[in-house]
Amino acid sequence: IYSLRKKYDINYSTATLLANMGYYFILTLAFLIALKSIGLDLSSLAIVAGALSVGIGFGLQNIVSNFVSGIIMMFEKSIKVGDYIQIDQTTRGEVVDISMRSTVIKTNDNINLIIPNQTFIQNQVINWTMNDDIVRFRVPFGVAYGTDIDKMEKILLEELQKSNLPFIRSKNENLIPRIVFIEMGNSSLNFELFVWVNGKFARMPRRTRSKFLKFIYKKLNEYGFEIPFPQNDIHFRTPLEVKLEK
């Protein structure tokens, strides 16, 4: 199947699905032929298997659940080989294999995670590249009160277009970079830079966001925009004597 993939223009996820189905079909068929060849009556075996199915069902409940979940995932294709998915805040990576019992995810740290299939059926999973590999990144930053925000936004967007940062340069209204005013915080005016990213940079969210944060920090300093930090006033309820020594 894998050798014929390019000849018949079969994508990698479909080839993996066909290969896994073929493997289990051949395995089951070979098992039945082996039983028949040694003289076992399959009808009698079916009766015994039916009697034991209840007990085995309770003992192998998780295995059966993972098996059925794997079949659902393969046919549903909501998660495919090659997709970049996120399970929780710290677990994300590329799907490299989907078998009947588990799914293998390779993280950006080159660590393979073997996750039971029922996890993807029962829990919420974020698929970053389900239909395409275009992702919008939100890059937060803040400036001091009193900043000319219109001037700041204009400068950052103009400098962004001149940079070599990895974002989609398009005239499409939905894909152009934007700066959004989020809130007036305790110590700063808070903004978010919206940029659309695709390809390998969409699969490296932390490193990609780091590039844009560095860019914003450099440009704010270069054009003299103040980057605030939290400041607190301390009030003493009782008189305080302060002695200064040289």
Protein backbone atom coordinates (compact mmCIF):
# COMPACT_ATOMS: atom_id res chain seq x y z
CA ILE A 1 0.00 0.00 0.00
CA TYR A 2 2.76 2.44 0.89
CA SER A 3 4.68 1.64 -2.30
CA LEU A 4 1.57 2.32 -4.42
CA ARG A 5 0.72 5.52 -2.55
CA LYS A 6 2.45 7.92 -4.95
CA LYS A 7 1.39 6.02 -8.08
CA TYR A 8 -2.31 6.30 -7.23
CA ASP A 9 -2.08 9.67 -5.44
CA ILE A 10 -3.15 8.33 -2.02
CA ASN A 11 -2.39 10.64 0.90
CA TYR A 12 -0.41 9.34 3.85
CA SER A 13 -3.32 9.23 6.32
CA THR A 14 -5.49 7.18 3.94
CA ALA A 15 -2.57 4.83 3.24
CA THR A 16 -2.13 4.31 6.99
CA LEU A 17 -5.84 3.56 7.38
CA LEU A 18 -5.76 0.99 4.54
CA ALA A 19 -2.55 -0.56 5.84
CA ASN A 20 -3.91 -0.98 9.37
CA MET A 21 -7.21 -2.42 8.13
CA GLY A 22 -5.37 -4.81 5.82
CA TYR A 23 -3.06 -5.91 8.61
CA TYR A 24 -5.88 -6.81 11.01
CA PHE A 25 -7.91 -8.45 8.23
CA ILE A 26 -4.99 -10.70 7.25
CA LEU A 27 -4.28 -11.46 10.91
CA THR A 28 -7.90 -12.49 11.59
CA LEU A 29 -8.15 -14.52 8.39
CA ALA A 30 -4.89 -16.34 9.12
CA PHE A 31 -6.07 -17.14 12.65
CA LEU A 32 -9.34 -18.65 11.39
CA ILE A 33 -7.57 -20.68 8.69
CA ALA A 34 -5.07 -21.96 11.27
CA LEU A 35 -7.90 -23.14 13.55
CA LYS A 36 -9.63 -24.85 10.63
CA SER A 37 -6.43 -26.52 9.48
CA ILE A 38 -5.81 -28.20 12.85
CA GLY A 39 -9.34 -29.61 12.84
CA LEU A 40 -11.13 -27.33 15.28
CA ASP A 41 -14.85 -26.93 14.60
CA LEU A 42 -15.47 -23.19 14.29
CA SER A 43 -19.14 -23.57 15.15
CA SER A 44 -18.24 -25.19 18.48
CA LEU A 45 -15.65 -22.50 19.07
CA ALA A 46 -18.31 -19.86 18.47
CA ILE A 47 -20.50 -21.38 21.20
CA VAL A 48 -17.62 -21.38 23.69
CA ALA A 49 -16.67 -17.85 22.72
CA GLY A 50 -20.27 -16.73 23.26
CA ALA A 51 -20.30 -18.24 26.74
CA LEU A 52 -17.05 -16.51 27.67
CA SER A 53 -17.85 -13.20 25.99
CA VAL A 54 -19.56 -11.70 29.05
CA GLY A 55 -16.65 -12.39 31.39
CA ILE A 56 -14.06 -11.40 28.83
CA GLY A 57 -16.06 -8.26 28.05
CA PHE A 58 -15.75 -7.02 31.62
CA GLY A 59 -12.08 -7.91 31.83
CA LEU A 60 -11.14 -6.37 28.49
CA GLN A 61 -13.51 -3.42 28.59
CA ASN A 62 -10.81 -0.78 28.12
CA ILE A 63 -9.12 -2.72 25.32
CA VAL A 64 -12.41 -3.14 23.45
CA SER A 65 -13.22 0.55 24.01
CA ASN A 66 -9.86 1.58 22.56
CA PHE A 67 -10.32 -0.83 19.65
CA VAL A 68 -13.73 0.58 18.73
CA SER A 69 -12.46 4.16 19.20
CA GLY A 70 -9.59 3.45 16.81
CA ILE A 71 -12.02 2.21 14.15
CA ILE A 72 -14.19 5.32 14.60
CA MET A 73 -11.16 7.62 14.28
CA MET A 74 -9.94 5.88 11.13
CA PHE A 75 -13.27 6.21 9.34
CA GLU A 76 -14.30 9.58 10.76
CA LYS A 77 -10.90 11.17 9.92
CA SER A 78 -11.35 13.95 12.47
CA ILE A 79 -7.79 13.08 13.51
CA LYS A 80 -5.45 11.87 10.78
CA VAL A 81 -1.79 10.96 10.47
CA GLY A 82 0.11 14.21 9.91
CA ASP A 83 -2.31 16.41 11.90
CA TYR A 84 -0.96 18.71 14.61
CA ILE A 85 -3.16 18.28 17.69
CA GLN A 86 -3.34 19.55 21.25
CA ILE A 87 -4.73 17.48 24.12
CA ASP A 88 -4.10 19.92 26.98
CA GLN A 89 -2.03 23.02 27.71
CA THR A 90 1.26 21.12 27.72
CA THR A 91 0.61 18.15 25.41
CA ARG A 92 0.69 18.80 21.69
CA GLY A 93 2.39 17.29 18.68
CA GLU A 94 2.05 15.63 15.28
CA VAL A 95 0.11 12.40 14.82
CA VAL A 96 2.53 9.84 13.36
CA ASP A 97 0.47 6.65 13.66
CA ILE A 98 -3.08 5.52 14.46
CA SER A 99 -3.48 1.86 15.38
CA MET A 100 -6.48 -0.05 16.68
CA ARG A 101 -5.51 0.42 20.33
CA SER A 102 -3.54 3.65 20.56
CA THR A 103 -2.33 6.74 18.73
CA VAL A 104 1.29 7.87 18.61
CA ILE A 105 2.01 11.61 18.83
CA LYS A 106 5.48 13.07 18.31
CA THR A 107 6.02 16.31 20.23
CA ASN A 108 8.31 19.15 19.21
CA ASP A 109 10.77 17.74 21.78
CA ASN A 110 10.97 14.59 19.61
CA ILE A 111 9.19 12.55 22.27
CA ASN A 112 6.67 9.91 21.19
CA LEU A 113 3.50 9.82 23.28
CA ILE A 114 1.37 6.66 23.11
CA ILE A 115 -2.19 7.66 23.97
CA PRO A 116 -5.21 5.30 24.19
CA ASN A 117 -7.72 5.94 21.41
CA GLN A 118 -10.66 6.42 23.76
CA THR A 119 -8.97 9.60 25.02
CA PHE A 120 -9.69 11.26 21.66
CA ILE A 121 -13.32 10.09 21.61
CA GLN A 122 -14.23 10.96 25.20
CA ASN A 123 -12.24 14.18 25.71
CA GLN A 124 -11.93 17.48 23.91
CA VAL A 125 -9.03 17.56 21.44
CA ILE A 126 -7.84 20.61 19.46
CA ASN A 127 -6.84 19.81 15.88
CA TRP A 128 -4.71 22.70 14.62
CA THR A 129 -4.49 21.40 11.06
CA MET A 130 -7.70 19.46 10.47
CA ASN A 131 -8.68 21.12 7.17
CA ASP A 132 -5.60 23.27 6.49
CA ASP A 133 -2.41 24.42 8.21
CA ILE A 134 -3.37 28.11 8.59
CA VAL A 135 -3.51 29.30 12.21
CA ARG A 136 -4.06 32.73 13.74
CA PHE A 137 -1.63 33.70 16.48
CA ARG A 138 -2.46 36.23 19.18
CA VAL A 139 0.62 38.02 20.50
CA PRO A 140 -0.08 40.09 23.65
CA PHE A 141 1.84 43.25 24.58
CA GLY A 142 1.33 46.47 26.52
CA VAL A 143 2.32 50.14 26.39
CA ALA A 144 2.23 52.90 28.98
CA TYR A 145 -0.70 55.22 29.59
CA GLY A 146 -0.36 58.40 27.54
CA THR A 147 0.97 56.56 24.47
CA ASP A 148 -0.31 57.73 21.09
CA ILE A 149 -1.95 54.40 20.25
CA ASP A 150 -2.84 55.29 16.66
CA LYS A 151 0.79 56.18 15.92
CA MET A 152 2.02 53.04 17.70
CA GLU A 153 -0.31 50.76 15.74
CA LYS A 154 0.61 52.37 12.41
CA ILE A 155 4.36 52.03 13.05
CA LEU A 156 4.18 48.39 14.18
CA LEU A 157 2.05 47.31 11.22
CA GLU A 158 4.29 49.13 8.72
CA GLU A 159 7.44 47.65 10.24
CA LEU A 160 5.80 44.22 10.30
CA GLN A 161 5.27 44.31 6.53
CA LYS A 162 8.96 45.22 6.04
CA SER A 163 10.17 42.38 8.27
CA ASN A 164 10.97 38.79 7.31
CA LEU A 165 8.75 37.31 10.00
CA PRO A 166 6.87 34.10 9.02
CA PHE A 167 3.29 35.30 8.53
CA ILE A 168 0.86 35.19 5.61
CA ARG A 169 1.14 38.27 3.40
CA SER A 170 -2.21 38.54 1.67
CA LYS A 171 -4.61 41.22 0.50
CA ASN A 172 -7.48 39.12 1.81
CA GLU A 173 -9.25 41.20 4.45
CA ASN A 174 -9.55 38.17 6.72
CA LEU A 175 -5.83 37.36 6.65
CA ILE A 176 -4.17 40.77 7.09
CA PRO A 177 -2.37 41.47 10.42
CA ARG A 178 -4.30 43.51 12.98
CA ILE A 179 -3.64 45.13 16.34
CA VAL A 180 -6.59 44.94 18.73
CA PHE A 181 -7.00 47.09 21.87
CA ILE A 182 -7.89 44.58 24.62
CA GLU A 183 -8.19 46.53 27.85
CA MET A 184 -6.99 49.40 30.03
CA GLY A 185 -5.09 47.45 32.67
CA ASN A 186 -3.79 48.47 36.08
CA SER A 187 -0.40 49.55 34.75
CA SER A 188 -0.67 49.42 30.96
CA LEU A 189 -2.78 49.66 27.85
CA ASN A 190 -3.00 46.06 26.66
CA PHE A 191 -3.08 45.03 23.01
CA GLU A 192 -2.90 41.85 20.93
CA LEU A 193 -1.27 41.46 17.53
CA PHE A 194 -3.28 39.10 15.29
CA VAL A 195 -1.22 37.40 12.58
CA TRP A 196 -1.95 34.39 10.38
CA VAL A 197 0.75 31.74 10.11
CA ASN A 198 0.95 28.53 8.08
CA GLY A 199 3.29 25.64 7.33
CA LYS A 200 5.90 24.49 9.79
CA PHE A 201 5.65 27.71 11.81
CA ALA A 202 2.04 26.87 12.72
CA ARG A 203 3.38 23.67 14.31
CA MET A 204 5.89 25.59 16.48
CA PRO A 205 3.58 27.95 18.40
CA ARG A 206 5.99 28.94 21.17
CA ARG A 207 8.94 29.64 18.90
CA THR A 208 6.76 31.48 16.41
CA ARG A 209 5.14 33.63 19.10
CA SER A 210 8.63 34.35 20.48
CA LYS A 211 9.71 35.81 17.12
CA PHE A 212 6.83 38.28 17.14
CA LEU A 213 7.35 39.23 20.79
CA LYS A 214 11.01 40.02 20.10
CA PHE A 215 9.99 42.11 17.09
CA ILE A 216 7.43 44.11 19.10
CA TYR A 217 9.86 44.69 21.98
CA LYS A 218 12.61 45.95 19.65
CA LYS A 219 10.31 48.26 17.69
CA LEU A 220 8.70 49.78 20.79
CA ASN A 221 12.15 50.59 22.16
CA GLU A 222 13.42 51.82 18.80
CA TYR A 223 10.57 54.35 18.43
CA GLY A 224 10.57 55.42 22.06
CA PHE A 225 7.30 53.87 23.22
CA GLU A 226 7.39 53.14 26.94
CA ILE A 227 6.87 49.53 28.02
CA PRO A 228 5.31 49.71 31.51
CA PHE A 229 5.71 47.49 34.52
CA PRO A 230 3.51 47.21 37.65
CA GLN A 231 4.00 49.98 40.24
CA ASN A 232 2.50 50.18 43.72
CA ASP A 233 2.11 53.01 46.23
CA ILE A 234 2.62 52.20 49.95
CA HIS A 235 0.69 54.26 52.53
CA PHE A 236 1.68 54.20 56.22
CA ARG A 237 -1.17 54.72 58.68
CA THR A 238 1.11 55.72 61.58
CA PRO A 239 3.88 58.37 61.52
CA LEU A 240 7.19 56.99 60.31
CA GLU A 241 10.55 58.36 61.32
CA VAL A 242 13.20 58.05 58.62
CA LYS A 243 16.89 58.58 59.41
CA LEU A 244 19.26 59.11 56.52
CA GLU A 245 22.92 58.28 56.98
CA LYS A 246 25.71 59.19 54.61
